[in-house]
Amino acid sequence: MDEHRRQEVAQLLKQGTNSKLLRGGTEIALPKIKEAYRLAIATPTLPPPWPQLAAYRLAHLLLRSNANSELQRVNELFQEATSDNCLGPVPQIYYLAALQRIKIASDNQEECRKIDGQIQEVFQKAYRGVRQLLANQRRDEEGTEEPPERSLLQEGRLNLLELATYFLGLTYEPLEGVGGPYGDLLLGDQQDDGWFLVGPDPTIATVRYPRQLAFIELEARSQASPDAVLFRLPEDPERAAWKKPGAEWQPERNKRNIRLIACLLERRNWNKLSLHNMVVGEEGVDSLFRQVISRTRKELQRLTHKPGTKTLRNDSSTHIPRLAPDLKIFGVVHARTYNTPP
């Protein structure tokens, strides 16, 4: 996968999303979001959620043009944005506005009947998605092992007004510049509250985004690498865990083992002292650090069925552990947890 292209798409989406919040910003944002979408769907297509997210943002901007000539394009973009439900029910709700606009613009009765069927289908998907979000919220209030999946995109009263504008075909100009920053989209300005992926290429870790997007991309990468080892280092480090693609999460009692792997994948230029402090803390003794390396080697041996020396070895010149270059390991990491050593 082209990690640099993924990074560029994330940056363009962030820039375009911020631009569209300024008065008159739609015109500024449109070329950025168009370029993000072009890059996301270029061969080979980036994994979810990048094509869906770019399609959703572009559909939004085109809806604001009020031009019926853009409606077919908007329809295609919303179909892509809602294709695998990875963004939750919000794009489906906005898709209803686009379908209603398409129906109003058509004078073909047969086409209108087909659109009515589409509207019913999309409405039912959105309804089920909202019900699921509410159920997750209730489980969260009652206390669960896993944080719930929440809607990824801005919601609230402004969104209702925006949605009404789209449905009615009114000019969007009065709403430009009214919204607040989309801090929950890619979390570019809230680094400690974001999540990031790590993997064989260190540039994977440069993008910050919400929990659900991180896990969606982890799943997409695991499908492309069925022999990979996966891990998570969440907000609560006590819930750190390993898994193989398609299997259940296996809790890791020694969370420092996963911290070590996250560190080794996040960057390559560690010195022994800085890596020691990140994994076991400044107060941690050398013997504890060596134990972590030994335990992690055994855990990787169990997960990969390879000899320990073929997974994690000590560099003879730097005395720093190194992962075998042919290992495929991907993880999702909460930034604040990662940046807070034991």
C-alpha atoms as a PDB file:
ATOM      1  CA  MET A   1       0.000   0.000   0.000  1.00  0.00           C
ATOM      2  CA  ASP A   2       1.191   3.542  -0.815  1.00  0.00           C
ATOM      3  CA  GLU A   3       1.590   4.977   2.686  1.00  0.00           C
ATOM      4  CA  HIS A   4       2.637   8.390   1.398  1.00  0.00           C
ATOM      5  CA  ARG A   5      -0.539   8.623  -0.706  1.00  0.00           C
ATOM      6  CA  ARG A   6      -2.621   7.716   2.332  1.00  0.00           C
ATOM      7  CA  GLN A   7      -0.863  10.434   4.310  1.00  0.00           C
ATOM      8  CA  GLU A   8      -1.526  12.983   1.544  1.00  0.00           C
ATOM      9  CA  VAL A   9      -5.224  12.060   1.425  1.00  0.00           C
ATOM     10  CA  ALA A  10      -5.516  12.538   5.184  1.00  0.00           C
ATOM     11  CA  GLN A  11      -3.831  15.941   4.976  1.00  0.00           C
ATOM     12  CA  LEU A  12      -6.013  17.121   2.085  1.00  0.00           C
ATOM     13  CA  LEU A  13      -9.171  16.023   3.899  1.00  0.00           C
ATOM     14  CA  LYS A  14      -8.088  17.909   6.993  1.00  0.00           C
ATOM     15  CA  GLN A  15      -7.260  21.056   5.004  1.00  0.00           C
ATOM     16  CA  GLY A  16     -10.459  20.869   2.980  1.00  0.00           C
ATOM     17  CA  THR A  17     -12.636  20.240   6.013  1.00  0.00           C
ATOM     18  CA  ASN A  18     -11.134  23.202   7.838  1.00  0.00           C
ATOM     19  CA  SER A  19     -11.499  25.436   4.749  1.00  0.00           C
ATOM     20  CA  LYS A  20     -15.171  24.696   4.304  1.00  0.00           C
ATOM     21  CA  LEU A  21     -15.943  26.044   7.761  1.00  0.00           C
ATOM     22  CA  LEU A  22     -14.840  29.530   6.749  1.00  0.00           C
ATOM     23  CA  ARG A  23     -17.311  31.927   5.159  1.00  0.00           C
ATOM     24  CA  GLY A  24     -16.937  31.373   1.446  1.00  0.00           C
ATOM     25  CA  GLY A  25     -14.779  28.345   2.198  1.00  0.00           C
ATOM     26  CA  THR A  26     -16.665  25.877  -0.002  1.00  0.00           C
ATOM     27  CA  GLU A  27     -14.934  27.212  -3.093  1.00  0.00           C
ATOM     28  CA  ILE A  28     -11.557  26.910  -1.345  1.00  0.00           C
ATOM     29  CA  ALA A  29     -12.264  23.428  -0.024  1.00  0.00           C
ATOM     30  CA  LEU A  30     -13.614  21.882  -3.228  1.00  0.00           C
ATOM     31  CA  PRO A  31     -10.298  21.388  -5.117  1.00  0.00           C
ATOM     32  CA  LYS A  32      -8.650  19.918  -2.003  1.00  0.00           C
ATOM     33  CA  ILE A  33     -11.443  17.412  -1.431  1.00  0.00           C
ATOM     34  CA  LYS A  34     -11.570  16.531  -5.133  1.00  0.00           C
ATOM     35  CA  GLU A  35      -7.852  15.790  -5.082  1.00  0.00           C
ATOM     36  CA  ALA A  36      -8.224  13.745  -1.888  1.00  0.00           C
ATOM     37  CA  TYR A  37     -10.919  11.649  -3.561  1.00  0.00           C
ATOM     38  CA  ARG A  38      -8.869  11.207  -6.739  1.00  0.00           C
ATOM     39  CA  LEU A  39      -5.908   9.948  -4.730  1.00  0.00           C
ATOM     40  CA  ALA A  40      -8.048   7.693  -2.527  1.00  0.00           C
ATOM     41  CA  ILE A  41      -9.561   5.806  -5.466  1.00  0.00           C
ATOM     42  CA  ALA A  42      -6.431   5.694  -7.637  1.00  0.00           C
ATOM     43  CA  THR A  43      -5.143   2.192  -8.379  1.00  0.00           C
ATOM     44  CA  PRO A  44      -4.530   0.458  -6.051  1.00  0.00           C
ATOM     45  CA  THR A  45      -7.458   1.931  -4.111  1.00  0.00           C
ATOM     46  CA  LEU A  46      -6.701   2.872  -0.526  1.00  0.00           C
ATOM     47  CA  PRO A  47      -8.388   0.659   2.095  1.00  0.00           C
ATOM     48  CA  PRO A  48     -11.481   1.785   3.987  1.00  0.00           C
ATOM     49  CA  PRO A  49     -12.288   4.303   5.316  1.00  0.00           C
ATOM     50  CA  TRP A  50     -10.359   6.652   2.993  1.00  0.00           C
ATOM     51  CA  PRO A  51     -12.377   6.322  -0.273  1.00  0.00           C
ATOM     52  CA  GLN A  52     -15.656   6.449   1.662  1.00  0.00           C
ATOM     53  CA  LEU A  53     -14.612   9.457   3.717  1.00  0.00           C
ATOM     54  CA  ALA A  54     -13.382  11.401   0.684  1.00  0.00           C
ATOM     55  CA  ALA A  55     -16.555  10.541  -1.265  1.00  0.00           C
ATOM     56  CA  TYR A  56     -18.739  11.724   1.620  1.00  0.00           C
ATOM     57  CA  ARG A  57     -16.920  15.049   1.939  1.00  0.00           C
ATOM     58  CA  LEU A  58     -17.029  15.665  -1.813  1.00  0.00           C
ATOM     59  CA  ALA A  59     -20.751  14.846  -1.994  1.00  0.00           C
ATOM     60  CA  HIS A  60     -21.369  17.374   0.775  1.00  0.00           C
ATOM     61  CA  LEU A  61     -19.597  20.149  -1.088  1.00  0.00           C
ATOM     62  CA  LEU A  62     -21.307  19.388  -4.399  1.00  0.00           C
ATOM     63  CA  LEU A  63     -24.731  19.430  -2.710  1.00  0.00           C
ATOM     64  CA  ARG A  64     -24.051  23.019  -1.697  1.00  0.00           C
ATOM     65  CA  SER A  65     -23.783  24.149  -5.303  1.00  0.00           C
ATOM     66  CA  ASN A  66     -27.581  23.937  -5.671  1.00  0.00           C
ATOM     67  CA  ALA A  67     -27.055  22.848  -9.287  1.00  0.00           C
ATOM     68  CA  ASN A  68     -29.203  19.971 -10.503  1.00  0.00           C
ATOM     69  CA  SER A  69     -26.442  19.079 -12.939  1.00  0.00           C
ATOM     70  CA  GLU A  70     -24.341  17.839  -9.984  1.00  0.00           C
ATOM     71  CA  LEU A  71     -27.028  15.594  -8.507  1.00  0.00           C
ATOM     72  CA  GLN A  72     -26.110  12.438 -10.421  1.00  0.00           C
ATOM     73  CA  ARG A  73     -22.491  12.846  -9.327  1.00  0.00           C
ATOM     74  CA  VAL A  74     -23.648  13.403  -5.750  1.00  0.00           C
ATOM     75  CA  ASN A  75     -25.720  10.219  -5.980  1.00  0.00           C
ATOM     76  CA  GLU A  76     -22.682   8.195  -7.092  1.00  0.00           C
ATOM     77  CA  LEU A  77     -20.520   9.651  -4.319  1.00  0.00           C
ATOM     78  CA  PHE A  78     -23.062   8.885  -1.608  1.00  0.00           C
ATOM     79  CA  GLN A  79     -23.380   5.335  -2.920  1.00  0.00           C
ATOM     80  CA  GLU A  80     -19.654   4.944  -2.399  1.00  0.00           C
ATOM     81  CA  ALA A  81     -19.662   6.712   0.978  1.00  0.00           C
ATOM     82  CA  THR A  82     -22.355   4.358   2.307  1.00  0.00           C
ATOM     83  CA  SER A  83     -21.121   1.225   0.514  1.00  0.00           C
ATOM     84  CA  ASP A  84     -19.905  -0.701   3.564  1.00  0.00           C
ATOM     85  CA  ASN A  85     -21.372   1.383   6.405  1.00  0.00           C
ATOM     86  CA  CYS A  86     -17.926   2.152   7.796  1.00  0.00           C
ATOM     87  CA  LEU A  87     -18.855   5.810   8.488  1.00  0.00           C
ATOM     88  CA  GLY A  88     -22.047   4.998  10.351  1.00  0.00           C
ATOM     89  CA  PRO A  89     -25.573   6.312   9.661  1.00  0.00           C
ATOM     90  CA  VAL A  90     -24.850  10.032   9.138  1.00  0.00           C
ATOM     91  CA  PRO A  91     -23.862   9.752   5.434  1.00  0.00           C
ATOM     92  CA  GLN A  92     -27.000   7.691   4.842  1.00  0.00           C
ATOM     93  CA  ILE A  93     -29.147  10.435   6.370  1.00  0.00           C
ATOM     94  CA  TYR A  94     -27.580  13.042   4.088  1.00  0.00           C
ATOM     95  CA  TYR A  95     -27.982  10.645   1.175  1.00  0.00           C
ATOM     96  CA  LEU A  96     -31.747  10.838   1.723  1.00  0.00           C
ATOM     97  CA  ALA A  97     -31.595  14.589   1.027  1.00  0.00           C
ATOM     98  CA  ALA A  98     -29.723  13.980  -2.217  1.00  0.00           C
ATOM     99  CA  LEU A  99     -32.230  11.327  -3.348  1.00  0.00           C
ATOM    100  CA  GLN A 100     -35.150  13.633  -2.613  1.00  0.00           C
ATOM    101  CA  ARG A 101     -33.514  16.405  -4.655  1.00  0.00           C
ATOM    102  CA  ILE A 102     -32.958  13.967  -7.542  1.00  0.00           C
ATOM    103  CA  LYS A 103     -36.608  12.903  -7.384  1.00  0.00           C
ATOM    104  CA  ILE A 104     -37.861  16.488  -7.431  1.00  0.00           C
ATOM    105  CA  ALA A 105     -35.665  17.290 -10.430  1.00  0.00           C
ATOM    106  CA  SER A 106     -36.989  14.319 -12.428  1.00  0.00           C
ATOM    107  CA  ASP A 107     -40.117  14.356 -14.605  1.00  0.00           C
ATOM    108  CA  ASN A 108     -39.928  10.611 -15.277  1.00  0.00           C
ATOM    109  CA  GLN A 109     -42.505   8.721 -13.223  1.00  0.00           C
ATOM    110  CA  GLU A 110     -40.711   5.375 -13.524  1.00  0.00           C
ATOM    111  CA  GLU A 111     -37.475   6.942 -12.328  1.00  0.00           C
ATOM    112  CA  CYS A 112     -39.327   8.562  -9.411  1.00  0.00           C
ATOM    113  CA  ARG A 113     -40.729   5.176  -8.361  1.00  0.00           C
ATOM    114  CA  LYS A 114     -37.216   3.700  -8.384  1.00  0.00           C
ATOM    115  CA  ILE A 115     -35.955   6.597  -6.312  1.00  0.00           C
ATOM    116  CA  ASP A 116     -38.779   6.044  -3.813  1.00  0.00           C
ATOM    117  CA  GLY A 117     -37.571   2.476  -3.413  1.00  0.00           C
ATOM    118  CA  GLN A 118     -34.012   3.710  -2.893  1.00  0.00           C
ATOM    119  CA  ILE A 119     -35.208   6.187  -0.296  1.00  0.00           C
ATOM    120  CA  GLN A 120     -36.948   3.439   1.654  1.00  0.00           C
ATOM    121  CA  GLU A 121     -33.874   1.216   1.508  1.00  0.00           C
ATOM    122  CA  VAL A 122     -31.461   3.962   2.610  1.00  0.00           C
ATOM    123  CA  PHE A 123     -33.866   5.095   5.341  1.00  0.00           C
ATOM    124  CA  GLN A 124     -33.999   1.582   6.804  1.00  0.00           C
ATOM    125  CA  LYS A 125     -30.199   1.359   6.830  1.00  0.00           C
ATOM    126  CA  ALA A 126     -29.942   4.740   8.542  1.00  0.00           C
ATOM    127  CA  TYR A 127     -32.613   3.730  11.060  1.00  0.00           C
ATOM    128  CA  ARG A 128     -30.771   0.532  11.958  1.00  0.00           C
ATOM    129  CA  GLY A 129     -27.516   2.463  12.258  1.00  0.00           C
ATOM    130  CA  VAL A 130     -29.002   5.035  14.627  1.00  0.00           C
ATOM    131  CA  ARG A 131     -30.578   2.277  16.728  1.00  0.00           C
ATOM    132  CA  GLN A 132     -27.173   0.606  16.969  1.00  0.00           C
ATOM    133  CA  LEU A 133     -25.521   3.849  18.074  1.00  0.00           C
ATOM    134  CA  LEU A 134     -28.143   4.316  20.783  1.00  0.00           C
ATOM    135  CA  ALA A 135     -27.678   0.732  21.958  1.00  0.00           C
ATOM    136  CA  ASN A 136     -23.917   1.261  22.117  1.00  0.00           C
ATOM    137  CA  GLN A 137     -24.412   4.440  24.110  1.00  0.00           C
ATOM    138  CA  ARG A 138     -26.594   2.628  26.638  1.00  0.00           C
ATOM    139  CA  ARG A 139     -24.033  -0.147  26.984  1.00  0.00           C
ATOM    140  CA  ASP A 140     -21.358   2.472  27.574  1.00  0.00           C
ATOM    141  CA  GLU A 141     -23.414   4.062  30.349  1.00  0.00           C
ATOM    142  CA  GLU A 142     -23.886   0.662  31.973  1.00  0.00           C
ATOM    143  CA  GLY A 143     -20.193  -0.196  31.631  1.00  0.00           C
ATOM    144  CA  THR A 144     -18.749  -2.583  29.075  1.00  0.00           C
ATOM    145  CA  GLU A 145     -15.393  -4.101  28.260  1.00  0.00           C
ATOM    146  CA  GLU A 146     -15.091  -2.260  24.975  1.00  0.00           C
ATOM    147  CA  PRO A 147     -15.715   1.435  24.242  1.00  0.00           C
ATOM    148  CA  PRO A 148     -18.746   1.786  21.948  1.00  0.00           C
ATOM    149  CA  GLU A 149     -18.569   2.676  18.298  1.00  0.00           C
ATOM    150  CA  ARG A 150     -19.892   6.190  17.886  1.00  0.00           C
ATOM    151  CA  SER A 151     -20.775   8.281  14.879  1.00  0.00           C
ATOM    152  CA  LEU A 152     -17.591   9.633  13.331  1.00  0.00           C
ATOM    153  CA  LEU A 153     -19.005  12.817  11.906  1.00  0.00           C
ATOM    154  CA  GLN A 154     -20.216  16.076  13.425  1.00  0.00           C
ATOM    155  CA  GLU A 155     -23.809  15.966  14.608  1.00  0.00           C
ATOM    156  CA  GLY A 156     -26.215  18.393  16.337  1.00  0.00           C
ATOM    157  CA  ARG A 157     -28.523  21.293  15.636  1.00  0.00           C
ATOM    158  CA  LEU A 158     -26.331  22.797  12.937  1.00  0.00           C
ATOM    159  CA  ASN A 159     -26.451  19.487  11.088  1.00  0.00           C
ATOM    160  CA  LEU A 160     -30.249  19.495  11.213  1.00  0.00           C
ATOM    161  CA  LEU A 161     -30.288  22.964   9.686  1.00  0.00           C
ATOM    162  CA  GLU A 162     -27.749  21.889   7.088  1.00  0.00           C
ATOM    163  CA  LEU A 163     -29.816  18.814   6.252  1.00  0.00           C
ATOM    164  CA  ALA A 164     -32.978  20.921   5.860  1.00  0.00           C
ATOM    165  CA  THR A 165     -31.059  23.208   3.483  1.00  0.00           C
ATOM    166  CA  TYR A 166     -30.098  20.245   1.327  1.00  0.00           C
ATOM    167  CA  PHE A 167     -33.597  18.778   1.318  1.00  0.00           C
ATOM    168  CA  LEU A 168     -35.201  22.066   0.344  1.00  0.00           C
ATOM    169  CA  GLY A 169     -32.558  23.075  -2.175  1.00  0.00           C
ATOM    170  CA  LEU A 170     -31.921  26.397  -0.431  1.00  0.00           C
ATOM    171  CA  THR A 171     -28.721  28.395  -0.734  1.00  0.00           C
ATOM    172  CA  TYR A 172     -26.029  27.270   1.690  1.00  0.00           C
ATOM    173  CA  GLU A 173     -24.339  30.678   1.904  1.00  0.00           C
ATOM    174  CA  PRO A 174     -25.849  31.748   5.293  1.00  0.00           C
ATOM    175  CA  LEU A 175     -24.445  28.619   6.975  1.00  0.00           C
ATOM    176  CA  GLU A 176     -20.861  29.004   5.784  1.00  0.00           C
ATOM    177  CA  GLY A 177     -18.540  29.854   8.643  1.00  0.00           C
ATOM    178  CA  VAL A 178     -21.080  28.925  11.336  1.00  0.00           C
ATOM    179  CA  GLY A 179     -19.711  25.514  12.355  1.00  0.00           C
ATOM    180  CA  GLY A 180     -16.905  24.762  14.736  1.00  0.00           C
ATOM    181  CA  PRO A 181     -13.756  22.841  13.799  1.00  0.00           C
ATOM    182  CA  TYR A 182     -14.150  19.198  12.884  1.00  0.00           C
ATOM    183  CA  GLY A 183     -11.782  18.066  15.582  1.00  0.00           C
ATOM    184  CA  ASP A 184     -13.286  14.586  15.553  1.00  0.00           C
ATOM    185  CA  LEU A 185     -12.613  13.932  11.867  1.00  0.00           C
ATOM    186  CA  LEU A 186      -8.869  13.440  11.727  1.00  0.00           C
ATOM    187  CA  LEU A 187      -7.916  14.944  15.082  1.00  0.00           C
ATOM    188  CA  GLY A 188      -5.070  16.858  13.523  1.00  0.00           C
ATOM    189  CA  ASP A 189      -5.185  19.471  16.279  1.00  0.00           C
ATOM    190  CA  GLN A 190      -5.838  17.044  19.133  1.00  0.00           C
ATOM    191  CA  GLN A 191      -2.913  14.684  18.893  1.00  0.00           C
ATOM    192  CA  ASP A 192      -3.271  13.134  22.347  1.00  0.00           C
ATOM    193  CA  ASP A 193      -6.951  12.309  21.800  1.00  0.00           C
ATOM    194  CA  GLY A 194      -6.364  10.577  18.496  1.00  0.00           C
ATOM    195  CA  TRP A 195      -5.490   7.062  17.463  1.00  0.00           C
ATOM    196  CA  PHE A 196      -2.866   5.959  14.993  1.00  0.00           C
ATOM    197  CA  LEU A 197      -1.850   2.777  13.241  1.00  0.00           C
ATOM    198  CA  VAL A 198       1.592   1.237  13.311  1.00  0.00           C
ATOM    199  CA  GLY A 199       3.010  -1.339  10.948  1.00  0.00           C
ATOM    200  CA  PRO A 200       6.039  -2.359   8.906  1.00  0.00           C
ATOM    201  CA  ASP A 201       6.317   1.144   7.382  1.00  0.00           C
ATOM    202  CA  PRO A 202       6.862   3.885  10.041  1.00  0.00           C
ATOM    203  CA  THR A 203       4.959   6.458   7.946  1.00  0.00           C
ATOM    204  CA  ILE A 204       1.741   4.589   8.812  1.00  0.00           C
ATOM    205  CA  ALA A 205       1.909   6.204  12.251  1.00  0.00           C
ATOM    206  CA  THR A 206       1.820   9.798  10.988  1.00  0.00           C
ATOM    207  CA  VAL A 207      -2.001  10.024  10.658  1.00  0.00           C
ATOM    208  CA  ARG A 208      -4.225  10.636  13.693  1.00  0.00           C
ATOM    209  CA  TYR A 209      -7.932   9.865  13.627  1.00  0.00           C
ATOM    210  CA  PRO A 210     -10.851   8.573  15.748  1.00  0.00           C
ATOM    211  CA  ARG A 211     -10.998   5.100  17.236  1.00  0.00           C
ATOM    212  CA  GLN A 212     -13.523   3.698  14.783  1.00  0.00           C
ATOM    213  CA  LEU A 213     -11.550   4.780  11.716  1.00  0.00           C
ATOM    214  CA  ALA A 214      -8.398   3.246  13.175  1.00  0.00           C
ATOM    215  CA  PHE A 215     -10.064  -0.121  13.757  1.00  0.00           C
ATOM    216  CA  ILE A 216     -11.722  -0.037  10.329  1.00  0.00           C
ATOM    217  CA  GLU A 217      -8.356   0.406   8.645  1.00  0.00           C
ATOM    218  CA  LEU A 218      -6.762  -2.246  10.852  1.00  0.00           C
ATOM    219  CA  GLU A 219      -9.433  -4.701   9.706  1.00  0.00           C
ATOM    220  CA  ALA A 220      -8.884  -3.752   6.054  1.00  0.00           C
ATOM    221  CA  ARG A 221      -5.140  -4.300   6.375  1.00  0.00           C
ATOM    222  CA  SER A 222      -5.641  -7.630   8.131  1.00  0.00           C
ATOM    223  CA  GLN A 223      -7.802  -8.877   5.260  1.00  0.00           C
ATOM    224  CA  ALA A 224      -4.969  -8.057   2.874  1.00  0.00           C
ATOM    225  CA  SER A 225      -2.423  -9.821   5.162  1.00  0.00           C
ATOM    226  CA  PRO A 226      -4.127 -12.904   6.653  1.00  0.00           C
ATOM    227  CA  ASP A 227      -0.839 -14.070   8.224  1.00  0.00           C
ATOM    228  CA  ALA A 228      -0.319 -10.794  10.094  1.00  0.00           C
ATOM    229  CA  VAL A 229      -0.237 -10.294  13.861  1.00  0.00           C
ATOM    230  CA  LEU A 230      -2.554  -7.557  15.167  1.00  0.00           C
ATOM    231  CA  PHE A 231      -2.602  -5.706  18.465  1.00  0.00           C
ATOM    232  CA  ARG A 232      -4.317  -2.847  20.235  1.00  0.00           C
ATOM    233  CA  LEU A 233      -3.059  -0.399  22.860  1.00  0.00           C
ATOM    234  CA  PRO A 234      -6.223   1.486  23.875  1.00  0.00           C
ATOM    235  CA  GLU A 235      -7.077   4.327  26.276  1.00  0.00           C
ATOM    236  CA  ASP A 236      -6.993   1.857  29.144  1.00  0.00           C
ATOM    237  CA  PRO A 237      -3.668   0.037  28.731  1.00  0.00           C
ATOM    238  CA  GLU A 238      -5.026  -2.825  30.851  1.00  0.00           C
ATOM    239  CA  ARG A 239      -7.127  -3.744  27.797  1.00  0.00           C
ATOM    240  CA  ALA A 240      -4.113  -4.200  25.548  1.00  0.00           C
ATOM    241  CA  ALA A 241      -4.543  -7.320  23.421  1.00  0.00           C
ATOM    242  CA  TRP A 242      -3.283  -9.422  20.515  1.00  0.00           C
ATOM    243  CA  LYS A 243      -5.178 -11.200  17.764  1.00  0.00           C
ATOM    244  CA  LYS A 244      -4.805 -12.949  14.443  1.00  0.00           C
ATOM    245  CA  PRO A 245      -6.998 -11.830  11.511  1.00  0.00           C
ATOM    246  CA  GLY A 246     -10.505 -13.214  11.900  1.00  0.00           C
ATOM    247  CA  ALA A 247      -9.924 -14.339  15.505  1.00  0.00           C
ATOM    248  CA  GLU A 248     -10.998 -12.869  18.843  1.00  0.00           C
ATOM    249  CA  TRP A 249      -8.867 -10.452  20.854  1.00  0.00           C
ATOM    250  CA  GLN A 250      -6.611 -12.146  23.412  1.00  0.00           C
ATOM    251  CA  PRO A 251      -5.853  -9.955  26.450  1.00  0.00           C
ATOM    252  CA  GLU A 252      -2.183  -9.270  27.123  1.00  0.00           C
ATOM    253  CA  ARG A 253      -1.535  -9.300  30.877  1.00  0.00           C
ATOM    254  CA  ASN A 254       1.884  -7.704  30.445  1.00  0.00           C
ATOM    255  CA  LYS A 255       0.951  -4.483  28.678  1.00  0.00           C
ATOM    256  CA  ARG A 256       4.622  -3.508  28.388  1.00  0.00           C
ATOM    257  CA  ASN A 257       5.030  -6.263  25.793  1.00  0.00           C
ATOM    258  CA  ILE A 258       2.639  -4.450  23.474  1.00  0.00           C
ATOM    259  CA  ARG A 259       4.205  -1.093  24.335  1.00  0.00           C
ATOM    260  CA  LEU A 260       7.538  -2.463  23.143  1.00  0.00           C
ATOM    261  CA  ILE A 261       6.095  -3.582  19.792  1.00  0.00           C
ATOM    262  CA  ALA A 262       4.266  -0.260  19.339  1.00  0.00           C
ATOM    263  CA  CYS A 263       7.507   1.632  19.960  1.00  0.00           C
ATOM    264  CA  LEU A 264       9.564  -0.491  17.580  1.00  0.00           C
ATOM    265  CA  LEU A 265       7.008   0.007  14.796  1.00  0.00           C
ATOM    266  CA  GLU A 266       6.320   3.703  15.426  1.00  0.00           C
ATOM    267  CA  ARG A 267       9.932   4.662  14.728  1.00  0.00           C
ATOM    268  CA  ARG A 268      13.266   3.075  13.952  1.00  0.00           C
ATOM    269  CA  ASN A 269      15.768   5.532  15.448  1.00  0.00           C
ATOM    270  CA  TRP A 270      15.564   4.637  19.140  1.00  0.00           C
ATOM    271  CA  ASN A 271      18.564   4.670  21.416  1.00  0.00           C
ATOM    272  CA  LYS A 272      18.609   2.184  24.263  1.00  0.00           C
ATOM    273  CA  LEU A 273      17.845   4.699  27.038  1.00  0.00           C
ATOM    274  CA  SER A 274      14.887   6.362  25.312  1.00  0.00           C
ATOM    275  CA  LEU A 275      13.354   2.999  24.367  1.00  0.00           C
ATOM    276  CA  HIS A 276      13.902   1.710  27.915  1.00  0.00           C
ATOM    277  CA  ASN A 277      12.105   4.760  29.351  1.00  0.00           C
ATOM    278  CA  MET A 278       9.175   4.447  26.928  1.00  0.00           C
ATOM    279  CA  VAL A 279       8.633   0.763  27.707  1.00  0.00           C
ATOM    280  CA  VAL A 280       9.278   0.424  31.454  1.00  0.00           C
ATOM    281  CA  GLY A 281       9.569   4.053  32.610  1.00  0.00           C
ATOM    282  CA  GLU A 282      12.523   5.989  33.950  1.00  0.00           C
ATOM    283  CA  GLU A 283      12.323   4.101  37.261  1.00  0.00           C
ATOM    284  CA  GLY A 284      12.266   0.693  35.581  1.00  0.00           C
ATOM    285  CA  VAL A 285      15.378  -1.401  36.135  1.00  0.00           C
ATOM    286  CA  ASP A 286      17.353  -2.991  33.292  1.00  0.00           C
ATOM    287  CA  SER A 287      16.325  -6.477  34.362  1.00  0.00           C
ATOM    288  CA  LEU A 288      12.651  -5.558  33.867  1.00  0.00           C
ATOM    289  CA  PHE A 289      13.405  -4.232  30.384  1.00  0.00           C
ATOM    290  CA  ARG A 290      15.167  -7.488  29.495  1.00  0.00           C
ATOM    291  CA  GLN A 291      12.189  -9.463  30.824  1.00  0.00           C
ATOM    292  CA  VAL A 292       9.847  -7.493  28.585  1.00  0.00           C
ATOM    293  CA  ILE A 293      11.996  -8.269  25.548  1.00  0.00           C
ATOM    294  CA  SER A 294      12.103 -11.968  26.446  1.00  0.00           C
ATOM    295  CA  ARG A 295       8.343 -12.216  27.086  1.00  0.00           C
ATOM    296  CA  THR A 296       7.546 -10.355  23.884  1.00  0.00           C
ATOM    297  CA  ARG A 297       9.781 -12.663  21.873  1.00  0.00           C
ATOM    298  CA  LYS A 298       7.939 -15.696  23.291  1.00  0.00           C
ATOM    299  CA  GLU A 299       4.551 -14.106  22.563  1.00  0.00           C
ATOM    300  CA  LEU A 300       5.518 -13.402  18.954  1.00  0.00           C
ATOM    301  CA  GLN A 301       6.826 -16.941  18.636  1.00  0.00           C
ATOM    302  CA  ARG A 302       3.452 -18.249  19.813  1.00  0.00           C
ATOM    303  CA  LEU A 303       1.497 -16.013  17.419  1.00  0.00           C
ATOM    304  CA  THR A 304       3.678 -16.522  14.352  1.00  0.00           C
ATOM    305  CA  HIS A 305       4.860 -20.110  14.930  1.00  0.00           C
ATOM    306  CA  LYS A 306       8.376 -18.932  14.151  1.00  0.00           C
ATOM    307  CA  PRO A 307      11.490 -19.379  16.288  1.00  0.00           C
ATOM    308  CA  GLY A 308      11.935 -16.503  18.719  1.00  0.00           C
ATOM    309  CA  THR A 309      15.133 -15.361  17.054  1.00  0.00           C
ATOM    310  CA  LYS A 310      13.184 -15.043  13.785  1.00  0.00           C
ATOM    311  CA  THR A 311      10.773 -12.539  15.333  1.00  0.00           C
ATOM    312  CA  LEU A 312      12.677 -10.299  17.757  1.00  0.00           C
ATOM    313  CA  ARG A 313      16.425 -10.139  18.109  1.00  0.00           C
ATOM    314  CA  ASN A 314      18.924  -7.859  19.819  1.00  0.00           C
ATOM    315  CA  ASP A 315      21.066  -5.693  17.585  1.00  0.00           C
ATOM    316  CA  SER A 316      24.655  -6.582  18.472  1.00  0.00           C
ATOM    317  CA  SER A 317      25.931  -3.042  17.885  1.00  0.00           C
ATOM    318  CA  THR A 318      23.216  -1.023  19.662  1.00  0.00           C
ATOM    319  CA  HIS A 319      21.797  -3.683  22.043  1.00  0.00           C
ATOM    320  CA  ILE A 320      18.329  -2.562  20.963  1.00  0.00           C
ATOM    321  CA  PRO A 321      15.706  -5.189  20.056  1.00  0.00           C
ATOM    322  CA  ARG A 322      14.767  -5.293  16.369  1.00  0.00           C
ATOM    323  CA  LEU A 323      11.763  -6.894  14.734  1.00  0.00           C
ATOM    324  CA  ALA A 324      12.465  -9.294  11.888  1.00  0.00           C
ATOM    325  CA  PRO A 325      11.921  -7.373   8.620  1.00  0.00           C
ATOM    326  CA  ASP A 326       9.616 -10.030   7.172  1.00  0.00           C
ATOM    327  CA  LEU A 327       7.155  -9.891  10.094  1.00  0.00           C
ATOM    328  CA  LYS A 328       3.762  -8.391   9.327  1.00  0.00           C
ATOM    329  CA  ILE A 329       2.522  -6.699  12.487  1.00  0.00           C
ATOM    330  CA  PHE A 330      -0.155  -3.993  12.569  1.00  0.00           C
ATOM    331  CA  GLY A 331      -1.576  -2.273  15.620  1.00  0.00           C
ATOM    332  CA  VAL A 332      -3.966   0.474  16.691  1.00  0.00           C
ATOM    333  CA  VAL A 333      -2.584   2.774  19.358  1.00  0.00           C
ATOM    334  CA  HIS A 334      -4.181   5.500  21.451  1.00  0.00           C
ATOM    335  CA  ALA A 335      -1.845   8.497  21.332  1.00  0.00           C
ATOM    336  CA  ARG A 336      -2.210   9.558  24.974  1.00  0.00           C
ATOM    337  CA  THR A 337      -1.598   6.029  26.218  1.00  0.00           C
ATOM    338  CA  TYR A 338       1.466   5.747  24.009  1.00  0.00           C
ATOM    339  CA  ASN A 339       2.838   9.126  25.097  1.00  0.00           C
ATOM    340  CA  THR A 340       2.417   8.306  28.791  1.00  0.00           C
ATOM    341  CA  PRO A 341       5.197   5.869  29.789  1.00  0.00           C
ATOM    342  CA  PRO A 342       4.583   3.565  32.779  1.00  0.00           C
END
